[in-house]
C-alpha atoms as a PDB file:
ATOM      1  CA  UNK A   1       0.111   0.181  -0.005  1.00  0.00           C
ATOM      2  CA  UNK A   2       2.974   2.257   0.939  1.00  0.00           C
ATOM      3  CA  UNK A   3       4.236   1.906  -2.659  1.00  0.00           C
ATOM      4  CA  UNK A   4       1.014   2.682  -4.192  1.00  0.00           C
ATOM      5  CA  UNK A   5       0.400   5.709  -2.193  1.00  0.00           C
ATOM      6  CA  UNK A   6       3.931   6.949  -3.147  1.00  0.00           C
ATOM      7  CA  UNK A   7       3.189   6.209  -6.821  1.00  0.00           C
ATOM      8  CA  UNK A   8      -0.351   8.245  -6.622  1.00  0.00           C
ATOM      9  CA  UNK A   9       1.318  11.214  -4.581  1.00  0.00           C
ATOM     10  CA  UNK A  10       4.203  11.406  -7.398  1.00  0.00           C
ATOM     11  CA  UNK A  11       1.302  11.436 -10.298  1.00  0.00           C
ATOM     12  CA  UNK A  12      -0.611  14.047  -7.961  1.00  0.00           C
ATOM     13  CA  UNK A  13       2.205  16.449  -7.826  1.00  0.00           C
ATOM     14  CA  UNK A  14       3.719  16.042 -11.309  1.00  0.00           C
ATOM     15  CA  UNK A  15       1.428  17.298 -13.918  1.00  0.00           C
ATOM     16  CA  UNK A  16       3.676  15.947 -16.663  1.00  0.00           C
ATOM     17  CA  UNK A  17       3.310  12.548 -15.056  1.00  0.00           C
ATOM     18  CA  UNK A  18      -0.427  12.777 -15.246  1.00  0.00           C
ATOM     19  CA  UNK A  19      -0.435  13.795 -18.863  1.00  0.00           C
ATOM     20  CA  UNK A  20       1.887  10.826 -19.691  1.00  0.00           C
ATOM     21  CA  UNK A  21      -0.602   8.296 -17.829  1.00  0.00           C
ATOM     22  CA  UNK A  22      -3.332   9.790 -19.888  1.00  0.00           C
ATOM     23  CA  UNK A  23      -1.569   9.545 -23.163  1.00  0.00           C
ATOM     24  CA  UNK A  24      -0.650   5.984 -22.108  1.00  0.00           C
ATOM     25  CA  UNK A  25      -4.203   5.166 -21.219  1.00  0.00           C
ATOM     26  CA  UNK A  26      -5.532   6.497 -24.837  1.00  0.00           C
ATOM     27  CA  UNK A  27      -2.904   4.534 -26.382  1.00  0.00           C
ATOM     28  CA  UNK A  28      -4.262   1.419 -24.694  1.00  0.00           C
ATOM     29  CA  UNK A  29      -7.801   2.505 -25.618  1.00  0.00           C
ATOM     30  CA  UNK A  30      -6.817   2.853 -29.456  1.00  0.00           C
ATOM     31  CA  UNK A  31      -5.437  -0.617 -29.328  1.00  0.00           C
ATOM     32  CA  UNK A  32      -8.708  -2.021 -27.754  1.00  0.00           C
ATOM     33  CA  UNK A  33     -11.043   0.058 -30.158  1.00  0.00           C
ATOM     34  CA  UNK A  34      -9.459  -1.282 -33.286  1.00  0.00           C
ATOM     35  CA  UNK A  35      -9.178  -4.723 -32.296  1.00  0.00           C
ATOM     36  CA  UNK A  36     -12.854  -4.793 -31.514  1.00  0.00           C
ATOM     37  CA  UNK A  37     -13.800  -2.994 -34.432  1.00  0.00           C
ATOM     38  CA  UNK A  38     -15.778  -4.733 -36.919  1.00  0.00           C
ATOM     39  CA  UNK A  39     -14.695  -3.756 -40.704  1.00  0.00           C
ATOM     40  CA  UNK A  40     -17.045  -3.977 -43.405  1.00  0.00           C
ATOM     41  CA  UNK A  41     -16.172  -2.612 -46.839  1.00  0.00           C
ATOM     42  CA  UNK A  42     -19.251  -1.509 -48.618  1.00  0.00           C
ATOM     43  CA  UNK A  43     -17.756  -3.024 -52.195  1.00  0.00           C
ATOM     44  CA  UNK A  44     -18.996  -0.341 -54.141  1.00  0.00           C
ATOM     45  CA  UNK A  45     -16.881   1.611 -56.489  1.00  0.00           C
ATOM     46  CA  UNK A  46     -18.177   4.936 -55.467  1.00  0.00           C
ATOM     47  CA  UNK A  47     -18.125   4.303 -51.565  1.00  0.00           C
ATOM     48  CA  UNK A  48     -14.940   2.055 -51.241  1.00  0.00           C
ATOM     49  CA  UNK A  49     -12.471   4.926 -51.057  1.00  0.00           C
ATOM     50  CA  UNK A  50     -14.494   7.225 -48.990  1.00  0.00           C
ATOM     51  CA  UNK A  51     -15.284   4.419 -46.549  1.00  0.00           C
ATOM     52  CA  UNK A  52     -11.819   3.294 -46.555  1.00  0.00           C
ATOM     53  CA  UNK A  53      -9.999   6.765 -46.320  1.00  0.00           C
ATOM     54  CA  UNK A  54     -12.683   7.746 -43.629  1.00  0.00           C
ATOM     55  CA  UNK A  55     -11.905   4.883 -41.359  1.00  0.00           C
ATOM     56  CA  UNK A  56      -8.508   5.544 -41.617  1.00  0.00           C
ATOM     57  CA  UNK A  57      -8.361   9.102 -40.612  1.00  0.00           C
ATOM     58  CA  UNK A  58     -11.677  10.154 -38.945  1.00  0.00           C
ATOM     59  CA  UNK A  59     -11.026   7.984 -35.637  1.00  0.00           C
ATOM     60  CA  UNK A  60      -7.319   9.592 -35.139  1.00  0.00           C
ATOM     61  CA  UNK A  61      -9.070  12.865 -35.476  1.00  0.00           C
ATOM     62  CA  UNK A  62     -11.371  12.294 -32.855  1.00  0.00           C
ATOM     63  CA  UNK A  63      -8.683  10.623 -30.729  1.00  0.00           C
ATOM     64  CA  UNK A  64      -6.712  13.673 -31.185  1.00  0.00           C
ATOM     65  CA  UNK A  65      -9.304  15.778 -29.868  1.00  0.00           C
ATOM     66  CA  UNK A  66      -9.839  13.746 -27.063  1.00  0.00           C
ATOM     67  CA  UNK A  67      -5.981  13.894 -26.443  1.00  0.00           C
ATOM     68  CA  UNK A  68      -6.466  17.686 -26.147  1.00  0.00           C
ATOM     69  CA  UNK A  69      -9.090  17.723 -23.976  1.00  0.00           C
ATOM     70  CA  UNK A  70      -7.763  15.453 -21.568  1.00  0.00           C
ATOM     71  CA  UNK A  71      -4.407  17.611 -21.464  1.00  0.00           C
ATOM     72  CA  UNK A  72      -4.959  20.500 -18.886  1.00  0.00           C
ATOM     73  CA  UNK A  73      -1.757  22.191 -20.515  1.00  0.00           C
ATOM     74  CA  UNK A  74      -3.589  23.029 -23.359  1.00  0.00           C
ATOM     75  CA  UNK A  75      -6.135  25.116 -21.704  1.00  0.00           C
ATOM     76  CA  UNK A  76      -3.326  26.479 -19.958  1.00  0.00           C
ATOM     77  CA  UNK A  77      -1.283  27.307 -23.174  1.00  0.00           C
ATOM     78  CA  UNK A  78      -4.357  29.207 -24.634  1.00  0.00           C
ATOM     79  CA  UNK A  79      -4.748  31.237 -21.205  1.00  0.00           C
ATOM     80  CA  UNK A  80      -1.156  32.190 -21.318  1.00  0.00           C
ATOM     81  CA  UNK A  81      -1.207  32.915 -24.990  1.00  0.00           C
ATOM     82  CA  UNK A  82      -4.205  35.171 -24.644  1.00  0.00           C
ATOM     83  CA  UNK A  83      -4.018  36.991 -21.393  1.00  0.00           C
ATOM     84  CA  UNK A  84      -3.091  40.513 -21.041  1.00  0.00           C
ATOM     85  CA  UNK A  85       0.437  41.261 -20.533  1.00  0.00           C
ATOM     86  CA  UNK A  86      -0.165  43.298 -17.248  1.00  0.00           C
ATOM     87  CA  UNK A  87       3.045  43.460 -15.228  1.00  0.00           C
ATOM     88  CA  UNK A  88       4.575  40.121 -16.569  1.00  0.00           C
ATOM     89  CA  UNK A  89       5.759  40.118 -19.826  1.00  0.00           C
ATOM     90  CA  UNK A  90       4.641  37.553 -22.194  1.00  0.00           C
ATOM     91  CA  UNK A  91       7.503  34.975 -23.549  1.00  0.00           C
ATOM     92  CA  UNK A  92       6.365  33.324 -27.036  1.00  0.00           C
ATOM     93  CA  UNK A  93       8.842  30.740 -26.280  1.00  0.00           C
ATOM     94  CA  UNK A  94       7.143  29.318 -23.435  1.00  0.00           C
ATOM     95  CA  UNK A  95       3.738  29.102 -25.353  1.00  0.00           C
ATOM     96  CA  UNK A  96       5.719  26.982 -28.164  1.00  0.00           C
ATOM     97  CA  UNK A  97       7.275  24.898 -25.591  1.00  0.00           C
ATOM     98  CA  UNK A  98       3.629  24.126 -24.260  1.00  0.00           C
ATOM     99  CA  UNK A  99       2.274  23.451 -27.605  1.00  0.00           C
ATOM    100  CA  UNK A 100       4.672  21.063 -28.567  1.00  0.00           C
ATOM    101  CA  UNK A 101       4.316  19.254 -25.616  1.00  0.00           C
ATOM    102  CA  UNK A 102       0.736  19.322 -25.811  1.00  0.00           C
ATOM    103  CA  UNK A 103       1.048  18.195 -29.462  1.00  0.00           C
ATOM    104  CA  UNK A 104       3.360  15.441 -28.853  1.00  0.00           C
ATOM    105  CA  UNK A 105       1.015  13.839 -26.407  1.00  0.00           C
ATOM    106  CA  UNK A 106      -2.091  14.252 -28.214  1.00  0.00           C
ATOM    107  CA  UNK A 107      -0.572  12.750 -31.448  1.00  0.00           C
ATOM    108  CA  UNK A 108       0.338   9.596 -29.781  1.00  0.00           C
ATOM    109  CA  UNK A 109      -3.193   7.660 -29.965  1.00  0.00           C
ATOM    110  CA  UNK A 110      -3.765   8.799 -33.585  1.00  0.00           C
ATOM    111  CA  UNK A 111      -0.524   7.535 -34.839  1.00  0.00           C
ATOM    112  CA  UNK A 112      -1.189   4.305 -33.147  1.00  0.00           C
ATOM    113  CA  UNK A 113      -4.457   3.931 -34.848  1.00  0.00           C
ATOM    114  CA  UNK A 114      -3.173   4.849 -38.179  1.00  0.00           C
ATOM    115  CA  UNK A 115      -0.111   2.487 -37.880  1.00  0.00           C
ATOM    116  CA  UNK A 116      -2.545  -0.364 -36.850  1.00  0.00           C
ATOM    117  CA  UNK A 117      -4.727   0.347 -39.935  1.00  0.00           C
ATOM    118  CA  UNK A 118      -1.430   0.299 -42.294  1.00  0.00           C
ATOM    119  CA  UNK A 119      -0.056  -2.725 -40.901  1.00  0.00           C
ATOM    120  CA  UNK A 120      -3.395  -4.876 -41.035  1.00  0.00           C
ATOM    121  CA  UNK A 121      -4.199  -3.568 -44.505  1.00  0.00           C
ATOM    122  CA  UNK A 122      -7.975  -3.683 -44.390  1.00  0.00           C
ATOM    123  CA  UNK A 123      -8.617   0.041 -44.897  1.00  0.00           C
ATOM    124  CA  UNK A 124      -6.158   0.503 -47.644  1.00  0.00           C
ATOM    125  CA  UNK A 125      -7.409  -2.786 -49.592  1.00  0.00           C
ATOM    126  CA  UNK A 126     -10.869  -1.137 -49.496  1.00  0.00           C
ATOM    127  CA  UNK A 127      -9.851   2.593 -50.214  1.00  0.00           C
ATOM    128  CA  UNK A 128      -7.699   1.711 -53.195  1.00  0.00           C
ATOM    129  CA  UNK A 129      -8.620  -1.500 -54.705  1.00  0.00           C
ATOM    130  CA  UNK A 130     -10.452   0.575 -57.485  1.00  0.00           C
ATOM    131  CA  UNK A 131      -7.639   2.559 -58.405  1.00  0.00           C
ATOM    132  CA  UNK A 132      -5.395  -0.928 -59.098  1.00  0.00           C
ATOM    133  CA  UNK A 133      -3.858  -0.685 -62.551  1.00  0.00           C
ATOM    134  CA  UNK A 134      -5.396  -3.787 -64.039  1.00  0.00           C
ATOM    135  CA  UNK A 135      -2.524  -4.122 -66.648  1.00  0.00           C
ATOM    136  CA  UNK A 136      -0.056  -5.374 -63.528  1.00  0.00           C
ATOM    137  CA  UNK A 137      -2.312  -8.492 -63.537  1.00  0.00           C
ATOM    138  CA  UNK A 138      -2.976 -10.864 -66.157  1.00  0.00           C
ATOM    139  CA  UNK A 139      -6.058 -12.043 -65.075  1.00  0.00           C
ATOM    140  CA  UNK A 140      -8.069  -9.151 -66.319  1.00  0.00           C
ATOM    141  CA  UNK A 141      -6.784  -9.636 -70.039  1.00  0.00           C
ATOM    142  CA  UNK A 142     -10.257 -11.247 -70.937  1.00  0.00           C
ATOM    143  CA  UNK A 143     -12.591  -8.649 -69.421  1.00  0.00           C
ATOM    144  CA  UNK A 144     -14.116  -5.440 -70.253  1.00  0.00           C
ATOM    145  CA  UNK A 145     -13.395  -2.251 -68.497  1.00  0.00           C
ATOM    146  CA  UNK A 146     -16.690  -1.976 -66.784  1.00  0.00           C
ATOM    147  CA  UNK A 147     -16.316  -5.744 -65.663  1.00  0.00           C
ATOM    148  CA  UNK A 148     -12.592  -4.814 -64.396  1.00  0.00           C
ATOM    149  CA  UNK A 149     -14.210  -1.922 -62.348  1.00  0.00           C
ATOM    150  CA  UNK A 150     -16.887  -4.332 -60.857  1.00  0.00           C
ATOM    151  CA  UNK A 151     -14.139  -6.720 -60.116  1.00  0.00           C
ATOM    152  CA  UNK A 152     -11.821  -4.487 -58.465  1.00  0.00           C
ATOM    153  CA  UNK A 153     -14.635  -3.054 -56.216  1.00  0.00           C
ATOM    154  CA  UNK A 154     -15.458  -6.580 -54.835  1.00  0.00           C
ATOM    155  CA  UNK A 155     -11.811  -7.316 -53.894  1.00  0.00           C
ATOM    156  CA  UNK A 156     -12.284  -6.681 -50.201  1.00  0.00           C
ATOM    157  CA  UNK A 157     -15.471  -8.694 -49.994  1.00  0.00           C
ATOM    158  CA  UNK A 158     -13.957 -12.260 -50.548  1.00  0.00           C
ATOM    159  CA  UNK A 159     -17.194 -13.974 -49.943  1.00  0.00           C
ATOM    160  CA  UNK A 160     -18.773 -12.288 -52.691  1.00  0.00           C
ATOM    161  CA  UNK A 161     -20.066 -14.821 -55.651  1.00  0.00           C
ATOM    162  CA  UNK A 162     -18.008 -12.786 -58.118  1.00  0.00           C
ATOM    163  CA  UNK A 163     -14.758 -12.966 -56.818  1.00  0.00           C
ATOM    164  CA  UNK A 164     -14.993 -16.053 -54.307  1.00  0.00           C
ATOM    165  CA  UNK A 165     -11.960 -18.399 -55.058  1.00  0.00           C
ATOM    166  CA  UNK A 166     -10.653 -16.094 -57.636  1.00  0.00           C
ATOM    167  CA  UNK A 167      -6.912 -15.954 -57.770  1.00  0.00           C
ATOM    168  CA  UNK A 168      -7.249 -12.471 -59.426  1.00  0.00           C
ATOM    169  CA  UNK A 169      -8.878 -11.112 -56.087  1.00  0.00           C
ATOM    170  CA  UNK A 170      -6.178 -12.799 -54.179  1.00  0.00           C
ATOM    171  CA  UNK A 171      -3.509 -11.128 -56.477  1.00  0.00           C
ATOM    172  CA  UNK A 172      -4.915  -7.853 -55.811  1.00  0.00           C
ATOM    173  CA  UNK A 173      -5.630  -8.390 -52.369  1.00  0.00           C
ATOM    174  CA  UNK A 174      -1.859  -9.488 -51.504  1.00  0.00           C
ATOM    175  CA  UNK A 175      -0.381  -6.295 -53.592  1.00  0.00           C
ATOM    176  CA  UNK A 176      -2.463  -3.899 -51.642  1.00  0.00           C
ATOM    177  CA  UNK A 177      -2.137  -5.457 -48.235  1.00  0.00           C
ATOM    178  CA  UNK A 178       1.887  -5.648 -48.947  1.00  0.00           C
ATOM    179  CA  UNK A 179       2.014  -1.814 -49.979  1.00  0.00           C
ATOM    180  CA  UNK A 180      -0.112  -0.945 -46.943  1.00  0.00           C
ATOM    181  CA  UNK A 181       2.256  -2.797 -44.611  1.00  0.00           C
ATOM    182  CA  UNK A 182       5.324  -1.312 -46.138  1.00  0.00           C
ATOM    183  CA  UNK A 183       4.240   2.228 -45.769  1.00  0.00           C
ATOM    184  CA  UNK A 184       3.219   1.394 -42.119  1.00  0.00           C
ATOM    185  CA  UNK A 185       6.523   0.006 -41.584  1.00  0.00           C
ATOM    186  CA  UNK A 186       8.218   2.808 -43.169  1.00  0.00           C
ATOM    187  CA  UNK A 187       6.289   5.108 -40.960  1.00  0.00           C
ATOM    188  CA  UNK A 188       7.174   3.289 -38.002  1.00  0.00           C
ATOM    189  CA  UNK A 189      10.695   3.558 -38.912  1.00  0.00           C
ATOM    190  CA  UNK A 190      10.700   7.066 -39.514  1.00  0.00           C
ATOM    191  CA  UNK A 191       9.188   7.960 -36.218  1.00  0.00           C
ATOM    192  CA  UNK A 192      11.551   5.969 -34.173  1.00  0.00           C
ATOM    193  CA  UNK A 193      14.390   7.464 -35.916  1.00  0.00           C
ATOM    194  CA  UNK A 194      13.115  10.964 -35.175  1.00  0.00           C
ATOM    195  CA  UNK A 195      12.431  10.126 -31.591  1.00  0.00           C
ATOM    196  CA  UNK A 196      16.242   8.549 -31.519  1.00  0.00           C
ATOM    197  CA  UNK A 197      17.563  11.796 -33.144  1.00  0.00           C
ATOM    198  CA  UNK A 198      15.766  14.064 -30.841  1.00  0.00           C
ATOM    199  CA  UNK A 199      16.972  12.434 -27.443  1.00  0.00           C
ATOM    200  CA  UNK A 200      20.763  11.629 -28.752  1.00  0.00           C
ATOM    201  CA  UNK A 201      21.370  14.948 -30.471  1.00  0.00           C
ATOM    202  CA  UNK A 202      19.616  17.342 -27.842  1.00  0.00           C
ATOM    203  CA  UNK A 203      22.337  16.865 -25.365  1.00  0.00           C
ATOM    204  CA  UNK A 204      24.846  18.075 -27.966  1.00  0.00           C
ATOM    205  CA  UNK A 205      23.154  21.471 -28.057  1.00  0.00           C
ATOM    206  CA  UNK A 206      22.884  24.399 -25.481  1.00  0.00           C
ATOM    207  CA  UNK A 207      20.216  23.382 -23.065  1.00  0.00           C
ATOM    208  CA  UNK A 208      19.672  26.802 -21.255  1.00  0.00           C
ATOM    209  CA  UNK A 209      16.919  27.946 -23.208  1.00  0.00           C
ATOM    210  CA  UNK A 210      15.216  24.496 -22.835  1.00  0.00           C
ATOM    211  CA  UNK A 211      15.825  24.187 -19.392  1.00  0.00           C
ATOM    212  CA  UNK A 212      14.277  27.953 -18.968  1.00  0.00           C
ATOM    213  CA  UNK A 213      11.133  27.160 -21.112  1.00  0.00           C
ATOM    214  CA  UNK A 214      10.470  24.019 -19.376  1.00  0.00           C
ATOM    215  CA  UNK A 215      10.957  25.558 -15.885  1.00  0.00           C
ATOM    216  CA  UNK A 216       8.582  28.523 -16.840  1.00  0.00           C
ATOM    217  CA  UNK A 217       5.920  26.246 -18.443  1.00  0.00           C
ATOM    218  CA  UNK A 218       5.844  23.985 -15.411  1.00  0.00           C
ATOM    219  CA  UNK A 219       5.653  27.325 -13.255  1.00  0.00           C
ATOM    220  CA  UNK A 220       2.729  28.574 -15.143  1.00  0.00           C
ATOM    221  CA  UNK A 221       0.783  25.315 -15.038  1.00  0.00           C
ATOM    222  CA  UNK A 222       1.586  25.097 -11.243  1.00  0.00           C
ATOM    223  CA  UNK A 223       0.788  28.786 -10.598  1.00  0.00           C
ATOM    224  CA  UNK A 224      -2.642  28.339 -12.099  1.00  0.00           C
ATOM    225  CA  UNK A 225      -3.348  25.116 -10.182  1.00  0.00           C
ATOM    226  CA  UNK A 226      -2.315  26.748  -6.935  1.00  0.00           C
ATOM    227  CA  UNK A 227      -4.420  29.738  -7.579  1.00  0.00           C
ATOM    228  CA  UNK A 228      -7.498  27.555  -8.151  1.00  0.00           C
ATOM    229  CA  UNK A 229      -6.736  25.850  -4.885  1.00  0.00           C
ATOM    230  CA  UNK A 230      -6.413  28.733  -3.357  1.00  0.00           C
ATOM    231  CA  UNK A 231      -9.660  30.164  -4.380  1.00  0.00           C
ATOM    232  CA  UNK A 232     -11.536  27.121  -3.144  1.00  0.00           C
ATOM    233  CA  UNK A 233     -10.176  27.460   0.136  1.00  0.00           C
ATOM    234  CA  UNK A 234     -11.095  31.141   0.390  1.00  0.00           C
ATOM    235  CA  UNK A 235     -14.641  30.040  -0.960  1.00  0.00           C
ATOM    236  CA  UNK A 236     -14.802  27.533   1.927  1.00  0.00           C
ATOM    237  CA  UNK A 237     -13.753  29.975   4.372  1.00  0.00           C
ATOM    238  CA  UNK A 238     -15.786  32.562   3.021  1.00  0.00           C
ATOM    239  CA  UNK A 239     -19.008  30.517   3.240  1.00  0.00           C
ATOM    240  CA  UNK A 240     -18.415  29.407   6.687  1.00  0.00           C
ATOM    241  CA  UNK A 241     -17.863  32.797   7.733  1.00  0.00           C
ATOM    242  CA  UNK A 242     -21.081  34.049   6.131  1.00  0.00           C
ATOM    243  CA  UNK A 243     -23.029  31.244   7.289  1.00  0.00           C
ATOM    244  CA  UNK A 244     -21.691  31.989  11.022  1.00  0.00           C
ATOM    245  CA  UNK A 245     -22.615  35.699  10.654  1.00  0.00           C
ATOM    246  CA  UNK A 246     -26.004  34.552   9.253  1.00  0.00           C
ATOM    247  CA  UNK A 247     -26.867  32.455  12.179  1.00  0.00           C
ATOM    248  CA  UNK A 248     -25.288  35.029  14.603  1.00  0.00           C
ATOM    249  CA  UNK A 249     -27.620  37.744  12.957  1.00  0.00           C
ATOM    250  CA  UNK A 250     -30.829  35.564  13.212  1.00  0.00           C
ATOM    251  CA  UNK A 251     -29.949  34.701  17.208  1.00  0.00           C
ATOM    252  CA  UNK A 252     -29.826  38.814  17.601  1.00  0.00           C
ATOM    253  CA  UNK A 253     -33.034  39.059  15.995  1.00  0.00           C
ATOM    254  CA  UNK A 254     -34.746  36.568  18.004  1.00  0.00           C
ATOM    255  CA  UNK A 255     -33.478  37.790  21.307  1.00  0.00           C
ATOM    256  CA  UNK A 256     -34.664  41.325  20.084  1.00  0.00           C
ATOM    257  CA  UNK A 257     -38.198  39.710  19.675  1.00  0.00           C
ATOM    258  CA  UNK A 258     -37.939  37.710  22.866  1.00  0.00           C
ATOM    259  CA  UNK A 259     -38.054  34.541  20.953  1.00  0.00           C
ATOM    260  CA  UNK A 260     -35.277  32.549  22.634  1.00  0.00           C
ATOM    261  CA  UNK A 261     -36.036  30.302  25.240  1.00  0.00           C
ATOM    262  CA  UNK A 262     -33.082  31.384  27.102  1.00  0.00           C
ATOM    263  CA  UNK A 263     -33.751  35.032  27.088  1.00  0.00           C
ATOM    264  CA  UNK A 264     -36.765  34.624  29.520  1.00  0.00           C
ATOM    265  CA  UNK A 265     -36.114  37.102  32.585  1.00  0.00           C
ATOM    266  CA  UNK A 266     -33.092  38.822  30.986  1.00  0.00           C
ATOM    267  CA  UNK A 267     -32.866  41.659  28.605  1.00  0.00           C
ATOM    268  CA  UNK A 268     -31.927  40.918  25.176  1.00  0.00           C
ATOM    269  CA  UNK A 269     -28.060  40.502  24.825  1.00  0.00           C
ATOM    270  CA  UNK A 270     -25.748  41.505  22.040  1.00  0.00           C
ATOM    271  CA  UNK A 271     -24.620  37.929  20.301  1.00  0.00           C
ATOM    272  CA  UNK A 272     -21.072  36.946  20.680  1.00  0.00           C
ATOM    273  CA  UNK A 273     -18.801  37.501  17.748  1.00  0.00           C
ATOM    274  CA  UNK A 274     -18.272  33.677  16.243  1.00  0.00           C
ATOM    275  CA  UNK A 275     -14.417  32.742  16.565  1.00  0.00           C
ATOM    276  CA  UNK A 276     -12.719  32.041  13.226  1.00  0.00           C
ATOM    277  CA  UNK A 277     -12.303  28.409  12.739  1.00  0.00           C
ATOM    278  CA  UNK A 278      -9.086  26.949  13.789  1.00  0.00           C
ATOM    279  CA  UNK A 279      -5.889  27.676  11.939  1.00  0.00           C
ATOM    280  CA  UNK A 280      -7.177  30.639   9.606  1.00  0.00           C
ATOM    281  CA  UNK A 281      -5.072  33.264  11.327  1.00  0.00           C
ATOM    282  CA  UNK A 282      -2.250  30.817  11.770  1.00  0.00           C
ATOM    283  CA  UNK A 283      -0.108  32.443   9.358  1.00  0.00           C
ATOM    284  CA  UNK A 284       0.090  35.584   7.013  1.00  0.00           C
ATOM    285  CA  UNK A 285      -1.067  33.706   4.170  1.00  0.00           C
ATOM    286  CA  UNK A 286      -4.552  33.041   5.990  1.00  0.00           C
ATOM    287  CA  UNK A 287      -4.636  36.563   7.261  1.00  0.00           C
ATOM    288  CA  UNK A 288      -4.432  37.543   3.652  1.00  0.00           C
ATOM    289  CA  UNK A 289      -7.459  35.122   2.619  1.00  0.00           C
ATOM    290  CA  UNK A 290      -9.711  36.429   5.425  1.00  0.00           C
ATOM    291  CA  UNK A 291      -8.793  40.072   4.431  1.00  0.00           C
ATOM    292  CA  UNK A 292     -11.317  39.553   1.159  1.00  0.00           C
ATOM    293  CA  UNK A 293     -14.475  39.681   3.109  1.00  0.00           C
ATOM    294  CA  UNK A 294     -17.032  41.042   0.306  1.00  0.00           C
ATOM    295  CA  UNK A 295     -18.228  40.032  -3.131  1.00  0.00           C
ATOM    296  CA  UNK A 296     -17.086  43.286  -4.472  1.00  0.00           C
ATOM    297  CA  UNK A 297     -13.360  42.469  -3.373  1.00  0.00           C
ATOM    298  CA  UNK A 298     -13.593  38.953  -4.731  1.00  0.00           C
ATOM    299  CA  UNK A 299     -14.426  40.199  -8.036  1.00  0.00           C
ATOM    300  CA  UNK A 300     -11.951  43.094  -7.808  1.00  0.00           C
ATOM    301  CA  UNK A 301      -9.439  40.307  -6.788  1.00  0.00           C
ATOM    302  CA  UNK A 302     -10.114  37.808  -9.619  1.00  0.00           C
ATOM    303  CA  UNK A 303     -10.288  40.905 -12.178  1.00  0.00           C
ATOM    304  CA  UNK A 304      -6.622  41.888 -10.906  1.00  0.00           C
ATOM    305  CA  UNK A 305      -5.284  38.214 -11.411  1.00  0.00           C
ATOM    306  CA  UNK A 306      -6.606  37.846 -14.926  1.00  0.00           C
ATOM    307  CA  UNK A 307      -5.894  41.450 -16.319  1.00  0.00           C
ATOM    308  CA  UNK A 308      -2.399  41.675 -14.460  1.00  0.00           C
ATOM    309  CA  UNK A 309      -0.734  38.846 -13.457  1.00  0.00           C
ATOM    310  CA  UNK A 310       1.848  39.683 -10.554  1.00  0.00           C
ATOM    311  CA  UNK A 311       5.408  40.482 -11.879  1.00  0.00           C
ATOM    312  CA  UNK A 312       7.914  37.463 -11.147  1.00  0.00           C
ATOM    313  CA  UNK A 313       9.934  39.228  -8.521  1.00  0.00           C
ATOM    314  CA  UNK A 314       9.286  38.698  -4.881  1.00  0.00           C
ATOM    315  CA  UNK A 315      11.574  41.498  -4.028  1.00  0.00           C
ATOM    316  CA  UNK A 316       9.145  43.970  -5.737  1.00  0.00           C
ATOM    317  CA  UNK A 317       6.529  46.057  -4.069  1.00  0.00           C
ATOM    318  CA  UNK A 318       3.180  44.293  -3.557  1.00  0.00           C
ATOM    319  CA  UNK A 319       1.295  47.214  -4.365  1.00  0.00           C
ATOM    320  CA  UNK A 320       2.323  47.593  -7.872  1.00  0.00           C
ATOM    321  CA  UNK A 321       0.062  45.279  -9.314  1.00  0.00           C
ATOM    322  CA  UNK A 322      -2.795  44.781  -7.178  1.00  0.00           C
ATOM    323  CA  UNK A 323      -5.195  47.749  -8.520  1.00  0.00           C
ATOM    324  CA  UNK A 324      -5.965  48.732  -5.000  1.00  0.00           C
ATOM    325  CA  UNK A 325      -5.669  45.341  -3.235  1.00  0.00           C
ATOM    326  CA  UNK A 326      -2.477  44.469  -1.186  1.00  0.00           C
ATOM    327  CA  UNK A 327      -0.757  41.427   0.144  1.00  0.00           C
ATOM    328  CA  UNK A 328       0.398  42.963   3.110  1.00  0.00           C
ATOM    329  CA  UNK A 329      -1.486  41.773   6.522  1.00  0.00           C
ATOM    330  CA  UNK A 330      -3.198  44.859   8.277  1.00  0.00           C
ATOM    331  CA  UNK A 331      -1.309  46.744  10.654  1.00  0.00           C
ATOM    332  CA  UNK A 332      -2.818  47.765  13.761  1.00  0.00           C
ATOM    333  CA  UNK A 333      -2.021  51.021  15.800  1.00  0.00           C
ATOM    334  CA  UNK A 334      -0.691  50.165  19.379  1.00  0.00           C
ATOM    335  CA  UNK A 335      -3.383  50.998  21.995  1.00  0.00           C
ATOM    336  CA  UNK A 336      -6.184  50.533  19.359  1.00  0.00           C
ATOM    337  CA  UNK A 337      -8.349  47.295  18.473  1.00  0.00           C
ATOM    338  CA  UNK A 338      -8.425  46.040  15.081  1.00  0.00           C
ATOM    339  CA  UNK A 339     -11.911  46.166  13.484  1.00  0.00           C
ATOM    340  CA  UNK A 340     -13.852  43.126  12.756  1.00  0.00           C
ATOM    341  CA  UNK A 341     -13.992  43.699   9.030  1.00  0.00           C
ATOM    342  CA  UNK A 342     -10.738  44.686   7.317  1.00  0.00           C
ATOM    343  CA  UNK A 343     -11.135  46.855   3.968  1.00  0.00           C
ATOM    344  CA  UNK A 344      -9.022  45.787   1.201  1.00  0.00           C
END
């Protein structure tokens, strides 16, 4: 169990590992889908090419879109590309690096489908059976052109009465299947060669730019994730305080009307201010969360985050980018009490 927990925490903390896992899952789903697919060529001259090429390229397009949807970095990449510059300059190199990473993972499943289809050969035979040159085969010398086209359209359907047990059908099918497998294996070799060259030649060049873009692309992803988590934390705390404030107000109203049972014989007392949940004021970060205490302040904060991302310099003044919002904890003058609500 400890090993599984360690593995789970690793995947949870690393977006890159999660995306690699999603990519592997899509690849396995692709193999399973293709193996369970029932291929039925229409064996009609007008529709063979449409069906064969559609089956060869339509599922990869769908798998490519699924890969983009499943990859969280695709949304982060578009947000980084379209965001206002604000106080943080935009680096096109980071967007290009993220785009390359997203496309590499999204193309894995479509390429697997295309390679499986080419190595199997059924789609290729169905799509190009009517395009075969009859002069390459001696069995068509005694047929008219119309008979040749009808025969070639029936080549993928080996159970059809016109081509059943025909040596010409077997020859044409074998020719197209060998051509399909040759293209499939050539494409496989090309992809492996490109991956090998990219992996082996990359250390031969300066890694400074690559490391910088990889670092900042991971930073953008993690920053957005931490912002979402902090927003959820603030929303939970804000809702908790609003509910406590509502109950305190209702208690005050009931005491004013003499509806509380424990207020008999006593005058209405001011309700005690609810104590904040444990740990909310334990640090400056929690104090900053509690400082944003109204809907207008939350809307301003979210608008400022979108329109003016903070500069990547922790030594800079925090009031330069906040549009009236500040990260500094409220200060209290000695000898005075801090007000229950702090305007930000």
